[in-house]
N, C-alpha and C. Protein backbone atom coordinates (compact mmCIF):
# COMPACT_ATOMS: atom_id res chain seq x y z
N UNK A 1 13.71 10.06 -6.89
CA UNK A 1 12.87 10.14 -5.72
C UNK A 1 13.34 9.09 -4.72
N UNK A 2 13.50 9.47 -3.51
CA UNK A 2 13.96 8.56 -2.48
C UNK A 2 12.78 7.76 -1.94
N UNK A 3 12.95 6.46 -1.82
CA UNK A 3 11.92 5.61 -1.25
C UNK A 3 12.26 5.37 0.21
N UNK A 4 11.25 5.15 1.00
CA UNK A 4 11.42 4.94 2.43
C UNK A 4 11.07 3.51 2.77
N UNK A 5 12.05 2.75 3.24
CA UNK A 5 11.78 1.40 3.73
C UNK A 5 11.26 1.58 5.14
N UNK A 6 9.98 1.25 5.32
CA UNK A 6 9.32 1.59 6.56
C UNK A 6 9.52 0.58 7.66
N UNK A 7 9.41 -0.69 7.38
CA UNK A 7 9.34 -1.60 8.49
C UNK A 7 9.82 -2.98 8.13
N UNK A 8 10.13 -3.69 9.16
CA UNK A 8 10.33 -5.13 9.07
C UNK A 8 9.51 -5.72 10.20
N UNK A 9 8.41 -6.33 9.86
CA UNK A 9 7.47 -6.86 10.84
C UNK A 9 7.55 -8.37 10.83
N UNK A 10 7.46 -8.96 11.98
CA UNK A 10 7.56 -10.42 12.08
C UNK A 10 6.46 -11.09 11.28
N UNK A 11 6.84 -12.09 10.55
CA UNK A 11 5.90 -12.89 9.78
C UNK A 11 6.22 -14.33 10.12
N UNK A 12 5.34 -14.98 10.85
CA UNK A 12 5.58 -16.36 11.23
C UNK A 12 5.10 -17.24 10.10
N UNK A 13 6.00 -17.99 9.54
CA UNK A 13 5.68 -18.85 8.42
C UNK A 13 5.65 -20.28 8.93
N UNK A 14 4.49 -20.89 8.85
CA UNK A 14 4.35 -22.26 9.33
C UNK A 14 3.94 -23.15 8.17
N UNK A 15 4.55 -24.31 8.03
CA UNK A 15 4.17 -25.22 6.97
C UNK A 15 2.75 -25.71 7.18
N UNK A 16 2.06 -26.00 6.08
CA UNK A 16 0.71 -26.54 6.17
C UNK A 16 0.68 -27.93 5.57
N UNK A 17 -0.28 -28.68 6.00
CA UNK A 17 -0.45 -30.03 5.49
C UNK A 17 -1.15 -29.98 4.14
N UNK A 18 -0.80 -30.87 3.25
CA UNK A 18 -1.44 -30.92 1.94
C UNK A 18 -2.83 -31.53 2.05
N UNK A 19 -3.12 -32.22 3.13
CA UNK A 19 -4.40 -32.88 3.30
C UNK A 19 -5.22 -32.15 4.34
N UNK A 20 -6.53 -32.00 4.06
CA UNK A 20 -7.37 -31.34 5.03
C UNK A 20 -8.11 -32.34 5.89
N UNK A 21 -8.07 -33.60 5.55
CA UNK A 21 -8.73 -34.60 6.37
C UNK A 21 -7.69 -35.56 6.90
N UNK A 22 -8.07 -36.31 7.93
CA UNK A 22 -7.10 -37.24 8.51
C UNK A 22 -6.88 -38.41 7.59
N UNK A 23 -5.71 -38.98 7.68
CA UNK A 23 -5.34 -40.10 6.83
C UNK A 23 -4.85 -41.22 7.72
N UNK A 24 -5.25 -42.43 7.40
CA UNK A 24 -4.83 -43.54 8.23
C UNK A 24 -3.51 -44.12 7.75
N UNK A 25 -3.10 -43.78 6.55
CA UNK A 25 -1.86 -44.33 6.02
C UNK A 25 -0.67 -43.50 6.45
N UNK A 26 0.36 -44.12 6.96
CA UNK A 26 1.56 -43.40 7.34
C UNK A 26 2.63 -43.59 6.30
N UNK A 27 3.39 -42.57 6.03
CA UNK A 27 4.44 -42.68 5.02
C UNK A 27 5.81 -42.77 5.66
N UNK A 28 5.86 -42.66 6.99
CA UNK A 28 7.16 -42.73 7.64
C UNK A 28 7.90 -41.41 7.62
N UNK A 29 7.26 -40.34 7.13
CA UNK A 29 7.91 -39.04 7.12
C UNK A 29 8.08 -38.53 8.55
N UNK A 30 9.05 -37.70 8.74
CA UNK A 30 9.32 -37.14 10.06
C UNK A 30 8.32 -36.04 10.42
N UNK A 31 7.46 -35.66 9.50
CA UNK A 31 6.47 -34.61 9.76
C UNK A 31 6.88 -33.32 9.09
N UNK A 32 6.05 -32.31 9.23
CA UNK A 32 6.35 -31.03 8.57
C UNK A 32 7.56 -30.35 9.22
N UNK A 33 8.19 -29.52 8.42
CA UNK A 33 9.34 -28.75 8.90
C UNK A 33 8.85 -27.75 9.95
N UNK A 34 9.70 -27.37 10.88
CA UNK A 34 9.29 -26.40 11.90
C UNK A 34 9.02 -25.04 11.25
N UNK A 35 8.22 -24.18 11.91
CA UNK A 35 7.95 -22.85 11.37
C UNK A 35 9.24 -22.06 11.18
N UNK A 36 9.18 -21.13 10.22
CA UNK A 36 10.32 -20.27 9.93
C UNK A 36 9.92 -18.84 10.25
N UNK A 37 10.77 -18.13 10.97
CA UNK A 37 10.51 -16.72 11.26
C UNK A 37 10.88 -15.90 10.04
N UNK A 38 9.95 -15.08 9.57
CA UNK A 38 10.19 -14.24 8.41
C UNK A 38 9.77 -12.82 8.68
N UNK A 39 9.88 -11.97 7.68
CA UNK A 39 9.48 -10.57 7.80
C UNK A 39 8.75 -10.13 6.55
N UNK A 40 7.98 -9.06 6.70
CA UNK A 40 7.52 -8.35 5.51
C UNK A 40 7.91 -6.90 5.70
N UNK A 41 8.25 -6.26 4.62
CA UNK A 41 8.67 -4.86 4.65
C UNK A 41 7.85 -4.07 3.66
N UNK A 42 7.43 -2.89 4.07
CA UNK A 42 6.68 -1.99 3.19
C UNK A 42 7.61 -0.85 2.81
N UNK A 43 7.75 -0.62 1.52
CA UNK A 43 8.57 0.48 1.01
C UNK A 43 7.62 1.56 0.52
N UNK A 44 7.59 2.68 1.24
CA UNK A 44 6.76 3.82 0.86
C UNK A 44 7.48 4.65 -0.19
N UNK A 45 6.74 5.35 -1.05
CA UNK A 45 7.39 6.17 -2.08
C UNK A 45 8.10 7.39 -1.49
N UNK A 46 7.69 7.82 -0.29
CA UNK A 46 8.34 8.96 0.36
C UNK A 46 7.96 8.96 1.83
N UNK A 47 8.71 9.72 2.61
CA UNK A 47 8.39 9.89 4.02
C UNK A 47 7.04 10.58 4.17
N UNK A 48 6.74 11.52 3.28
CA UNK A 48 5.46 12.24 3.35
C UNK A 48 4.27 11.30 3.26
N UNK A 49 4.35 10.30 2.41
CA UNK A 49 3.25 9.33 2.28
C UNK A 49 3.12 8.51 3.56
N UNK A 50 4.24 8.08 4.11
CA UNK A 50 4.20 7.29 5.35
C UNK A 50 3.59 8.11 6.49
N UNK A 51 3.98 9.37 6.60
CA UNK A 51 3.50 10.24 7.67
C UNK A 51 2.03 10.58 7.46
N UNK A 52 1.59 10.71 6.22
CA UNK A 52 0.21 11.09 5.93
C UNK A 52 -0.77 9.94 6.16
N UNK A 53 -0.31 8.72 6.11
CA UNK A 53 -1.19 7.55 6.26
C UNK A 53 -1.64 7.40 7.71
N UNK A 54 -2.94 7.18 7.89
CA UNK A 54 -3.46 6.85 9.22
C UNK A 54 -3.07 5.44 9.60
N UNK A 55 -3.13 4.56 8.61
CA UNK A 55 -2.85 3.14 8.85
C UNK A 55 -2.61 2.43 7.52
N UNK A 56 -2.18 1.19 7.62
CA UNK A 56 -2.07 0.33 6.44
C UNK A 56 -2.92 -0.92 6.66
N UNK A 57 -3.33 -1.49 5.55
CA UNK A 57 -4.03 -2.77 5.54
C UNK A 57 -3.16 -3.74 4.75
N UNK A 58 -3.00 -4.95 5.24
CA UNK A 58 -2.20 -5.97 4.55
C UNK A 58 -3.11 -7.15 4.26
N UNK A 59 -3.25 -7.46 2.98
CA UNK A 59 -4.08 -8.58 2.54
C UNK A 59 -3.17 -9.66 1.95
N UNK A 60 -3.44 -10.91 2.26
CA UNK A 60 -2.64 -12.02 1.76
C UNK A 60 -3.55 -12.96 0.99
N UNK A 61 -3.16 -13.25 -0.25
CA UNK A 61 -3.94 -14.13 -1.13
C UNK A 61 -3.05 -15.26 -1.63
N UNK A 62 -3.64 -16.43 -1.88
CA UNK A 62 -2.84 -17.46 -2.53
C UNK A 62 -2.49 -16.96 -3.93
N UNK A 63 -1.25 -17.11 -4.32
CA UNK A 63 -0.82 -16.62 -5.64
C UNK A 63 -1.47 -17.48 -6.72
N UNK A 64 -1.98 -16.82 -7.72
CA UNK A 64 -2.60 -17.52 -8.84
C UNK A 64 -1.58 -17.84 -9.91
N UNK A 65 -2.07 -18.44 -10.96
CA UNK A 65 -1.23 -18.82 -12.09
C UNK A 65 -0.78 -17.60 -12.90
N UNK A 66 -1.64 -16.59 -12.96
CA UNK A 66 -1.36 -15.45 -13.82
C UNK A 66 -0.31 -14.52 -13.21
N UNK A 67 0.62 -14.09 -14.02
CA UNK A 67 1.63 -13.15 -13.56
C UNK A 67 1.03 -11.77 -13.34
N UNK A 68 -0.20 -11.56 -13.80
CA UNK A 68 -0.86 -10.26 -13.66
C UNK A 68 -1.71 -10.18 -12.39
N UNK A 69 -1.61 -11.16 -11.48
CA UNK A 69 -2.46 -11.16 -10.29
C UNK A 69 -2.31 -9.89 -9.47
N UNK A 70 -1.09 -9.44 -9.22
CA UNK A 70 -0.90 -8.22 -8.43
C UNK A 70 -1.50 -7.01 -9.14
N UNK A 71 -1.31 -6.91 -10.44
CA UNK A 71 -1.89 -5.79 -11.18
C UNK A 71 -3.41 -5.83 -11.07
N UNK A 72 -3.99 -7.02 -11.17
CA UNK A 72 -5.44 -7.16 -11.04
C UNK A 72 -5.92 -6.75 -9.65
N UNK A 73 -5.20 -7.16 -8.61
CA UNK A 73 -5.57 -6.79 -7.24
C UNK A 73 -5.48 -5.28 -7.02
N UNK A 74 -4.39 -4.67 -7.49
CA UNK A 74 -4.23 -3.22 -7.35
C UNK A 74 -5.33 -2.49 -8.11
N UNK A 75 -5.62 -2.90 -9.32
CA UNK A 75 -6.66 -2.24 -10.12
C UNK A 75 -8.04 -2.40 -9.48
N UNK A 76 -8.32 -3.57 -8.93
CA UNK A 76 -9.59 -3.79 -8.23
C UNK A 76 -9.71 -2.88 -7.03
N UNK A 77 -8.63 -2.76 -6.24
CA UNK A 77 -8.64 -1.88 -5.07
C UNK A 77 -8.83 -0.43 -5.48
N UNK A 78 -8.11 0.00 -6.52
CA UNK A 78 -8.22 1.40 -6.98
C UNK A 78 -9.62 1.71 -7.48
N UNK A 79 -10.28 0.72 -8.08
CA UNK A 79 -11.63 0.93 -8.62
C UNK A 79 -12.71 0.79 -7.55
N UNK A 80 -12.31 0.41 -6.33
CA UNK A 80 -13.29 0.24 -5.26
C UNK A 80 -14.07 -1.05 -5.37
N UNK A 81 -13.53 -2.01 -6.12
CA UNK A 81 -14.20 -3.29 -6.30
C UNK A 81 -14.00 -4.21 -5.10
N UNK A 82 -14.61 -5.37 -5.19
CA UNK A 82 -14.50 -6.36 -4.12
C UNK A 82 -13.28 -7.23 -4.35
N UNK A 83 -12.41 -7.27 -3.35
CA UNK A 83 -11.23 -8.14 -3.41
C UNK A 83 -11.64 -9.56 -3.07
N UNK A 84 -10.87 -10.55 -3.53
CA UNK A 84 -11.12 -11.92 -3.07
C UNK A 84 -10.93 -11.97 -1.55
N UNK A 85 -11.35 -13.06 -0.94
CA UNK A 85 -11.19 -13.22 0.50
C UNK A 85 -9.72 -13.39 0.85
N UNK A 86 -9.25 -12.55 1.77
CA UNK A 86 -7.87 -12.61 2.22
C UNK A 86 -7.68 -13.83 3.12
N UNK A 87 -6.52 -14.46 3.01
CA UNK A 87 -6.20 -15.60 3.88
C UNK A 87 -6.07 -15.17 5.33
N UNK A 88 -5.70 -13.92 5.53
CA UNK A 88 -5.51 -13.37 6.87
C UNK A 88 -6.40 -12.13 6.97
N UNK A 89 -7.28 -12.07 7.98
CA UNK A 89 -8.10 -10.87 8.12
C UNK A 89 -7.21 -9.64 8.30
N UNK A 90 -7.49 -8.59 7.53
CA UNK A 90 -6.67 -7.39 7.62
C UNK A 90 -7.31 -6.40 8.57
N UNK A 91 -6.57 -6.04 9.60
CA UNK A 91 -6.99 -5.03 10.55
C UNK A 91 -6.13 -3.79 10.30
N UNK A 92 -6.70 -2.59 10.44
CA UNK A 92 -5.87 -1.39 10.29
C UNK A 92 -4.71 -1.40 11.28
N UNK A 93 -3.52 -1.15 10.78
CA UNK A 93 -2.32 -1.11 11.61
C UNK A 93 -1.69 0.26 11.45
N UNK A 94 -1.47 0.95 12.55
CA UNK A 94 -0.89 2.29 12.45
C UNK A 94 0.53 2.21 11.92
N UNK A 95 0.90 3.20 11.16
CA UNK A 95 2.24 3.25 10.59
C UNK A 95 3.28 3.29 11.70
N UNK A 96 2.97 3.97 12.80
CA UNK A 96 3.93 4.05 13.91
C UNK A 96 4.13 2.69 14.58
N UNK A 97 3.09 1.89 14.70
CA UNK A 97 3.29 0.57 15.29
C UNK A 97 4.08 -0.33 14.36
N UNK A 98 3.95 -0.12 13.07
CA UNK A 98 4.77 -0.88 12.12
C UNK A 98 6.23 -0.49 12.25
N UNK A 99 6.49 0.77 12.46
CA UNK A 99 7.86 1.23 12.65
C UNK A 99 8.48 0.57 13.89
N UNK A 100 7.63 0.23 14.85
CA UNK A 100 8.10 -0.43 16.06
C UNK A 100 8.15 -1.95 15.92
N UNK A 101 7.89 -2.47 14.74
CA UNK A 101 8.00 -3.90 14.50
C UNK A 101 6.87 -4.73 15.07
N UNK A 102 5.65 -4.19 15.14
CA UNK A 102 4.51 -4.90 15.69
C UNK A 102 3.68 -5.46 14.55
N UNK A 103 3.21 -6.69 14.71
CA UNK A 103 2.32 -7.30 13.74
C UNK A 103 2.84 -8.63 13.26
N UNK A 104 2.06 -9.67 13.43
CA UNK A 104 2.45 -11.02 13.02
C UNK A 104 1.47 -11.58 12.01
N UNK A 105 1.96 -12.41 11.14
CA UNK A 105 1.13 -13.19 10.22
C UNK A 105 1.59 -14.63 10.31
N UNK A 106 0.68 -15.54 10.20
CA UNK A 106 1.05 -16.95 10.21
C UNK A 106 0.64 -17.56 8.87
N UNK A 107 1.63 -17.98 8.09
CA UNK A 107 1.38 -18.54 6.77
C UNK A 107 2.16 -19.84 6.61
N UNK A 108 1.62 -20.72 5.81
CA UNK A 108 2.36 -21.92 5.46
C UNK A 108 3.26 -21.64 4.27
N UNK A 109 4.13 -22.58 3.97
CA UNK A 109 4.96 -22.45 2.79
C UNK A 109 4.06 -22.44 1.56
N UNK A 110 4.44 -21.66 0.55
CA UNK A 110 3.65 -21.60 -0.67
C UNK A 110 3.83 -20.26 -1.35
N UNK A 111 3.05 -20.06 -2.40
CA UNK A 111 3.11 -18.84 -3.19
C UNK A 111 1.97 -17.91 -2.77
N UNK A 112 2.32 -16.65 -2.54
CA UNK A 112 1.34 -15.68 -2.07
C UNK A 112 1.45 -14.37 -2.84
N UNK A 113 0.33 -13.66 -2.89
CA UNK A 113 0.29 -12.28 -3.35
C UNK A 113 -0.08 -11.45 -2.13
N UNK A 114 0.72 -10.44 -1.83
CA UNK A 114 0.49 -9.59 -0.66
C UNK A 114 0.17 -8.19 -1.16
N UNK A 115 -1.03 -7.73 -0.84
CA UNK A 115 -1.50 -6.40 -1.23
C UNK A 115 -1.45 -5.51 0.01
N UNK A 116 -0.82 -4.35 -0.13
CA UNK A 116 -0.73 -3.39 0.98
C UNK A 116 -1.42 -2.10 0.53
N UNK A 117 -2.29 -1.59 1.40
CA UNK A 117 -3.03 -0.36 1.12
C UNK A 117 -2.80 0.61 2.28
N UNK A 118 -2.25 1.78 1.98
CA UNK A 118 -2.11 2.84 2.98
C UNK A 118 -3.33 3.74 2.85
N UNK A 119 -3.94 4.07 3.99
CA UNK A 119 -5.16 4.87 3.96
C UNK A 119 -5.06 6.08 4.88
N UNK A 120 -5.82 7.11 4.51
CA UNK A 120 -6.02 8.29 5.35
C UNK A 120 -7.50 8.62 5.32
N UNK A 121 -8.09 8.74 6.49
CA UNK A 121 -9.53 9.02 6.61
C UNK A 121 -10.37 8.05 5.79
N UNK A 122 -9.97 6.80 5.74
CA UNK A 122 -10.73 5.77 5.04
C UNK A 122 -10.53 5.73 3.54
N UNK A 123 -9.70 6.59 3.00
CA UNK A 123 -9.44 6.62 1.55
C UNK A 123 -8.01 6.15 1.27
N UNK A 124 -7.86 5.43 0.17
CA UNK A 124 -6.54 4.94 -0.23
C UNK A 124 -5.65 6.09 -0.66
N UNK A 125 -4.40 6.09 -0.14
CA UNK A 125 -3.43 7.09 -0.59
C UNK A 125 -2.22 6.43 -1.24
N UNK A 126 -2.04 5.13 -1.04
CA UNK A 126 -0.94 4.40 -1.68
C UNK A 126 -1.28 2.92 -1.67
N UNK A 127 -0.90 2.24 -2.76
CA UNK A 127 -1.21 0.81 -2.92
C UNK A 127 -0.01 0.12 -3.56
N UNK A 128 0.22 -1.11 -3.16
CA UNK A 128 1.26 -1.92 -3.79
C UNK A 128 1.00 -3.40 -3.56
N UNK A 129 1.68 -4.22 -4.33
CA UNK A 129 1.48 -5.66 -4.25
C UNK A 129 2.78 -6.35 -4.64
N UNK A 130 3.01 -7.51 -4.04
CA UNK A 130 4.17 -8.33 -4.40
C UNK A 130 3.76 -9.79 -4.35
N UNK A 131 4.29 -10.57 -5.29
CA UNK A 131 4.10 -12.02 -5.26
C UNK A 131 5.39 -12.65 -4.78
N UNK A 132 5.27 -13.64 -3.91
CA UNK A 132 6.45 -14.25 -3.30
C UNK A 132 6.17 -15.70 -2.95
N UNK A 133 7.15 -16.53 -3.18
CA UNK A 133 7.10 -17.90 -2.69
C UNK A 133 7.73 -17.90 -1.30
N UNK A 134 6.97 -18.34 -0.31
CA UNK A 134 7.48 -18.43 1.06
C UNK A 134 8.09 -19.82 1.24
N UNK A 135 9.38 -19.83 1.54
CA UNK A 135 10.09 -21.08 1.77
C UNK A 135 10.96 -20.92 3.01
N UNK A 136 11.57 -22.02 3.44
CA UNK A 136 12.46 -21.94 4.60
C UNK A 136 13.64 -21.01 4.32
N UNK A 137 14.12 -20.99 3.09
CA UNK A 137 15.27 -20.16 2.76
C UNK A 137 14.88 -18.76 2.26
N UNK A 138 13.60 -18.53 2.03
CA UNK A 138 13.15 -17.23 1.55
C UNK A 138 11.81 -16.87 2.20
N UNK A 139 11.85 -16.53 3.50
CA UNK A 139 10.60 -16.24 4.20
C UNK A 139 10.18 -14.77 4.21
N UNK A 140 10.94 -13.91 3.53
CA UNK A 140 10.70 -12.47 3.62
C UNK A 140 9.98 -11.93 2.39
N UNK A 141 9.12 -10.94 2.62
CA UNK A 141 8.36 -10.31 1.54
C UNK A 141 8.58 -8.80 1.63
N UNK A 142 8.90 -8.17 0.51
CA UNK A 142 8.98 -6.71 0.44
C UNK A 142 7.92 -6.24 -0.53
N UNK A 143 7.09 -5.29 -0.07
CA UNK A 143 6.03 -4.74 -0.92
C UNK A 143 6.32 -3.25 -1.09
N UNK A 144 6.52 -2.84 -2.33
CA UNK A 144 6.70 -1.43 -2.66
C UNK A 144 5.34 -0.85 -3.01
N UNK A 145 4.95 0.20 -2.29
CA UNK A 145 3.66 0.83 -2.59
C UNK A 145 3.90 2.15 -3.30
N UNK A 146 2.88 2.58 -4.04
CA UNK A 146 2.99 3.79 -4.85
C UNK A 146 1.77 4.66 -4.61
N UNK A 147 1.93 5.94 -4.65
CA UNK A 147 0.80 6.85 -4.45
C UNK A 147 0.33 7.45 -5.76
N UNK A 148 0.45 6.71 -6.84
CA UNK A 148 -0.02 7.14 -8.16
C UNK A 148 -1.53 6.87 -8.26
N UNK A 149 -2.29 7.61 -7.46
CA UNK A 149 -3.75 7.46 -7.43
C UNK A 149 -4.34 8.79 -7.85
N UNK A 150 -5.15 8.81 -8.92
CA UNK A 150 -5.73 10.07 -9.38
C UNK A 150 -6.47 10.80 -8.26
N UNK A 151 -6.20 12.10 -8.14
CA UNK A 151 -6.87 12.93 -7.17
C UNK A 151 -6.26 12.93 -5.77
N UNK A 152 -5.27 12.07 -5.54
CA UNK A 152 -4.64 12.02 -4.21
C UNK A 152 -3.42 12.93 -4.19
N UNK A 153 -3.45 13.89 -3.28
CA UNK A 153 -2.33 14.80 -3.09
C UNK A 153 -1.85 14.62 -1.66
N UNK A 154 -0.59 14.29 -1.53
CA UNK A 154 0.00 14.08 -0.21
C UNK A 154 0.80 15.32 0.15
N UNK A 155 0.48 15.93 1.29
CA UNK A 155 1.22 17.14 1.67
C UNK A 155 2.65 16.81 2.09
N UNK A 156 3.52 17.79 1.96
CA UNK A 156 4.89 17.61 2.43
C UNK A 156 4.88 17.56 3.96
N UNK A 157 5.97 17.10 4.53
CA UNK A 157 6.06 16.99 5.99
C UNK A 157 7.33 17.67 6.48
N UNK A 158 7.26 18.30 7.65
CA UNK A 158 8.48 18.85 8.23
C UNK A 158 9.34 17.77 8.92
N UNK A 159 8.80 16.56 8.99
CA UNK A 159 9.52 15.47 9.67
C UNK A 159 10.75 15.05 8.87
N UNK A 160 11.78 14.66 9.59
CA UNK A 160 12.98 14.16 8.94
C UNK A 160 13.07 12.64 9.01
N UNK A 161 12.19 12.03 9.81
CA UNK A 161 12.15 10.57 9.91
C UNK A 161 10.79 10.13 10.42
N UNK A 162 10.46 8.89 10.19
CA UNK A 162 9.20 8.36 10.69
C UNK A 162 9.25 8.26 12.22
N UNK A 163 10.39 7.92 12.78
CA UNK A 163 10.48 7.83 14.23
C UNK A 163 10.26 9.19 14.89
N UNK A 164 10.73 10.26 14.25
CA UNK A 164 10.47 11.61 14.78
C UNK A 164 8.98 11.92 14.73
N UNK A 165 8.32 11.53 13.65
CA UNK A 165 6.88 11.75 13.53
C UNK A 165 6.15 10.98 14.64
N UNK A 166 6.49 9.73 14.82
CA UNK A 166 5.81 8.88 15.80
C UNK A 166 6.06 9.35 17.24
N UNK A 167 7.16 10.05 17.47
CA UNK A 167 7.47 10.60 18.79
C UNK A 167 6.98 12.05 18.93
N UNK A 168 6.20 12.51 17.95
CA UNK A 168 5.67 13.89 17.96
C UNK A 168 6.79 14.93 18.07
N UNK A 169 7.87 14.72 17.30
CA UNK A 169 9.02 15.62 17.37
C UNK A 169 9.24 16.38 16.06
N UNK A 170 8.19 16.56 15.28
CA UNK A 170 8.39 17.21 13.96
C UNK A 170 8.25 18.71 14.01
N UNK A 171 7.54 19.24 14.97
CA UNK A 171 7.34 20.68 15.02
C UNK A 171 6.54 21.16 13.82
N UNK A 172 6.28 22.43 13.77
CA UNK A 172 5.60 23.06 12.66
C UNK A 172 4.43 22.35 12.23
């Protein structure tokens, strides 16, 4: 099965301070490193899933100790449970605007779990999660989503590309 790499959206990664309150002691450090420009990419299981989605939601969580965090987040979403509070409020983003490279996130360096949910008419049609350490040398995140959701049937599409779909050039 061919997977569709849908987008590379700007992700602004900014370092954060380890202290939340002011400190009177100086250590002589030059200060935090400048922000690093990064990306996140969503890999859809097929063009049909990308075309069928009304929008995607992107949730960002601090990565936990457990290697099963992504599995737990995906299972919670599939069961309709309450997710932990996302570090970044997730607004619905159209798949076509993602194809155009629109959408920014601002994160500090650290370990994150990124949950992506593709929806149609308010229902999940594909879900995926990735854990990633954001660093100056590794600011990019790729999340592969899957439409292995019981009861979800995604229709085929006459489109040959997402850009054709977004330009209303699919016909039929």
